[in-house]
C-alpha atoms as a PDB file:
ATOM      1  CA  MET A   1      42.522 245.440 133.451  1.00  0.00           C
ATOM      2  CA  SER A   2      40.741 242.564 131.306  1.00  0.00           C
ATOM      3  CA  GLN A   3      42.085 239.262 131.011  1.00  0.00           C
ATOM      4  CA  PRO A   4      42.302 238.939 127.287  1.00  0.00           C
ATOM      5  CA  ILE A   5      44.798 242.502 127.680  1.00  0.00           C
ATOM      6  CA  LEU A   6      46.578 240.493 130.460  1.00  0.00           C
ATOM      7  CA  GLU A   7      47.243 237.697 128.625  1.00  0.00           C
ATOM      8  CA  ASN A   8      48.438 239.512 125.536  1.00  0.00           C
ATOM      9  CA  VAL A   9      50.932 241.727 127.296  1.00  0.00           C
ATOM     10  CA  GLU A  10      52.131 238.847 129.184  1.00  0.00           C
ATOM     11  CA  ALA A  11      52.931 236.701 126.296  1.00  0.00           C
ATOM     12  CA  LYS A  12      55.883 238.184 124.566  1.00  0.00           C
ATOM     13  CA  PHE A  13      57.527 237.807 128.535  1.00  0.00           C
ATOM     14  CA  LEU A  14      56.978 233.875 128.668  1.00  0.00           C
ATOM     15  CA  LYS A  15      59.686 231.073 128.301  1.00  0.00           C
ATOM     16  CA  ALA A  16      59.525 228.998 125.073  1.00  0.00           C
ATOM     17  CA  GLU A  17      59.617 225.911 126.916  1.00  0.00           C
ATOM     18  CA  LYS A  18      57.695 225.494 130.428  1.00  0.00           C
ATOM     19  CA  PRO A  19      58.915 222.858 132.268  1.00  0.00           C
ATOM     20  CA  GLU A  20      57.165 220.020 133.082  1.00  0.00           C
ATOM     21  CA  PHE A  21      56.773 218.762 136.838  1.00  0.00           C
ATOM     22  CA  GLU A  22      53.853 218.536 139.510  1.00  0.00           C
ATOM     23  CA  ILE A  23      53.001 218.525 142.624  1.00  0.00           C
ATOM     24  CA  GLY A  24      55.055 215.584 144.876  1.00  0.00           C
ATOM     25  CA  ASP A  25      57.535 215.715 142.157  1.00  0.00           C
ATOM     26  CA  THR A  26      61.558 215.692 143.280  1.00  0.00           C
ATOM     27  CA  VAL A  27      62.803 218.192 141.123  1.00  0.00           C
ATOM     28  CA  ASP A  28      66.424 219.394 141.024  1.00  0.00           C
ATOM     29  CA  VAL A  29      66.200 223.546 140.229  1.00  0.00           C
ATOM     30  CA  HIS A  30      69.327 224.871 138.545  1.00  0.00           C
ATOM     31  CA  THR A  31      69.262 228.983 139.434  1.00  0.00           C
ATOM     32  CA  LYS A  32      71.661 231.530 138.606  1.00  0.00           C
ATOM     33  CA  ILE A  33      73.555 233.268 141.500  1.00  0.00           C
ATOM     34  CA  LEU A  34      75.580 236.731 141.179  1.00  0.00           C
ATOM     35  CA  GLU A  35      78.720 236.423 143.124  1.00  0.00           C
ATOM     36  CA  GLY A  36      80.834 239.763 142.833  1.00  0.00           C
ATOM     37  CA  ASP A  37      81.364 239.626 138.834  1.00  0.00           C
ATOM     38  CA  LYS A  38      81.093 236.442 138.450  1.00  0.00           C
ATOM     39  CA  GLU A  39      77.676 233.969 137.534  1.00  0.00           C
ATOM     40  CA  ARG A  40      77.160 230.556 138.610  1.00  0.00           C
ATOM     41  CA  VAL A  41      74.295 227.335 138.842  1.00  0.00           C
ATOM     42  CA  GLN A  42      73.196 226.737 142.185  1.00  0.00           C
ATOM     43  CA  VAL A  43      71.153 223.487 142.220  1.00  0.00           C
ATOM     44  CA  PHE A  44      68.762 223.688 145.437  1.00  0.00           C
ATOM     45  CA  THR A  45      67.244 219.893 145.582  1.00  0.00           C
ATOM     46  CA  GLY A  46      64.092 219.023 147.200  1.00  0.00           C
ATOM     47  CA  THR A  47      60.007 218.341 146.979  1.00  0.00           C
ATOM     48  CA  VAL A  48      57.637 220.786 144.925  1.00  0.00           C
ATOM     49  CA  ILE A  49      54.935 221.606 147.555  1.00  0.00           C
ATOM     50  CA  ALA A  50      52.684 223.888 146.204  1.00  0.00           C
ATOM     51  CA  LYS A  51      51.794 225.966 142.520  1.00  0.00           C
ATOM     52  CA  SER A  52      50.028 228.708 142.014  1.00  0.00           C
ATOM     53  CA  GLY A  53      49.516 231.686 139.812  1.00  0.00           C
ATOM     54  CA  SER A  54      49.590 231.869 136.052  1.00  0.00           C
ATOM     55  CA  GLY A  55      51.167 233.629 133.595  1.00  0.00           C
ATOM     56  CA  THR A  56      54.458 235.583 134.389  1.00  0.00           C
ATOM     57  CA  ARG A  57      53.339 235.167 138.450  1.00  0.00           C
ATOM     58  CA  GLU A  58      53.057 231.686 137.822  1.00  0.00           C
ATOM     59  CA  MET A  59      55.495 230.425 141.411  1.00  0.00           C
ATOM     60  CA  PHE A  60      56.720 226.773 142.654  1.00  0.00           C
ATOM     61  CA  VAL A  61      57.373 226.172 146.169  1.00  0.00           C
ATOM     62  CA  VAL A  62      60.408 223.697 146.571  1.00  0.00           C
ATOM     63  CA  ARG A  63      61.081 222.266 149.944  1.00  0.00           C
ATOM     64  CA  ARG A  64      63.784 219.854 151.681  1.00  0.00           C
ATOM     65  CA  ILE A  65      65.264 219.313 154.670  1.00  0.00           C
ATOM     66  CA  VAL A  66      68.744 220.977 155.365  1.00  0.00           C
ATOM     67  CA  ALA A  67      71.150 220.241 159.018  1.00  0.00           C
ATOM     68  CA  GLY A  68      67.616 219.128 160.164  1.00  0.00           C
ATOM     69  CA  GLU A  69      65.957 222.342 159.718  1.00  0.00           C
ATOM     70  CA  GLY A  70      63.427 222.530 156.976  1.00  0.00           C
ATOM     71  CA  VAL A  71      64.204 224.984 154.550  1.00  0.00           C
ATOM     72  CA  GLU A  72      61.144 226.231 151.373  1.00  0.00           C
ATOM     73  CA  ARG A  73      61.975 228.143 148.624  1.00  0.00           C
ATOM     74  CA  LYS A  74      59.503 229.676 146.430  1.00  0.00           C
ATOM     75  CA  PHE A  75      60.510 230.457 142.542  1.00  0.00           C
ATOM     76  CA  PRO A  76      58.924 231.622 139.479  1.00  0.00           C
ATOM     77  CA  VAL A  77      58.558 229.799 136.958  1.00  0.00           C
ATOM     78  CA  GLN A  78      59.195 232.378 134.109  1.00  0.00           C
ATOM     79  CA  SER A  79      62.231 233.545 135.710  1.00  0.00           C
ATOM     80  CA  PRO A  80      65.570 234.309 133.771  1.00  0.00           C
ATOM     81  CA  LYS A  81      67.168 233.140 136.625  1.00  0.00           C
ATOM     82  CA  ILE A  82      65.924 229.704 136.742  1.00  0.00           C
ATOM     83  CA  GLU A  83      68.087 227.670 134.429  1.00  0.00           C
ATOM     84  CA  LYS A  84      65.871 224.544 134.236  1.00  0.00           C
ATOM     85  CA  VAL A  85      64.137 222.386 136.328  1.00  0.00           C
ATOM     86  CA  VAL A  86      64.912 218.546 136.716  1.00  0.00           C
ATOM     87  CA  VAL A  87      61.984 216.310 137.545  1.00  0.00           C
ATOM     88  CA  LYS A  88      64.465 213.183 139.518  1.00  0.00           C
ATOM     89  CA  ARG A  89      61.414 211.256 140.710  1.00  0.00           C
ATOM     90  CA  ARG A  90      57.687 211.451 140.461  1.00  0.00           C
ATOM     91  CA  SER A  91      55.078 211.250 143.583  1.00  0.00           C
ATOM     92  CA  ARG A  92      51.660 210.060 143.552  1.00  0.00           C
ATOM     93  CA  VAL A  93      49.507 212.797 145.763  1.00  0.00           C
ATOM     94  CA  ARG A  94      46.242 213.286 146.263  1.00  0.00           C
ATOM     95  CA  ARG A  95      46.445 217.009 147.409  1.00  0.00           C
ATOM     96  CA  ALA A  96      46.985 220.325 145.541  1.00  0.00           C
ATOM     97  CA  LYS A  97      49.275 221.455 147.832  1.00  0.00           C
ATOM     98  CA  LEU A  98      51.747 219.445 150.359  1.00  0.00           C
ATOM     99  CA  TYR A  99      51.941 221.700 153.885  1.00  0.00           C
ATOM    100  CA  TYR A 100      50.955 219.024 155.716  1.00  0.00           C
ATOM    101  CA  LEU A 101      54.681 217.898 155.151  1.00  0.00           C
ATOM    102  CA  ARG A 102      55.971 220.686 157.321  1.00  0.00           C
ATOM    103  CA  ASP A 103      54.999 218.652 160.306  1.00  0.00           C
ATOM    104  CA  ARG A 104      56.288 215.282 159.712  1.00  0.00           C
ATOM    105  CA  VAL A 105      60.416 214.048 160.445  1.00  0.00           C
ATOM    106  CA  GLY A 106      61.891 211.626 158.410  1.00  0.00           C
ATOM    107  CA  LYS A 107      60.348 208.434 156.668  1.00  0.00           C
ATOM    108  CA  ALA A 108      56.774 209.974 157.380  1.00  0.00           C
ATOM    109  CA  THR A 109      57.624 212.526 154.210  1.00  0.00           C
ATOM    110  CA  ARG A 110      58.296 209.751 151.911  1.00  0.00           C
ATOM    111  CA  LEU A 111      55.776 210.208 149.397  1.00  0.00           C
ATOM    112  CA  LYS A 112      54.314 207.091 147.185  1.00  0.00           C
ATOM    113  CA  GLU A 113      56.599 206.792 143.826  1.00  0.00           C
ATOM    114  CA  ARG A 114      54.289 207.134 140.820  1.00  0.00           C
ATOM    115  CA  ARG A 115      55.625 204.879 137.844  1.00  0.00           C
ATOM    116  CA  VAL A 116      55.777 206.456 133.916  1.00  0.00           C
END
């Protein structure tokens, strides 16, 4: 399929307000979780280490440390399960993908804060 046709079809599925965040930002991702017949919101806090795709296929990877173990989760930006993305801290980075943070432990994972 050609690109203009794809964009035209995807346009009706895109969210009205796309969350504004960048690589290196520390974010809270509020995700809707179904438990039986109840629905609740779960917050996943971490650093955005990658973004990929475009349109309805746009994804981002958030990494955090839980009990000394690194946990990464990949979220679709346009998913109805994502309630909101809140930026807690902005960082200055010089890479498009921060995969090098996987090899680092403790204070070595810190990123320089970006003043806005």
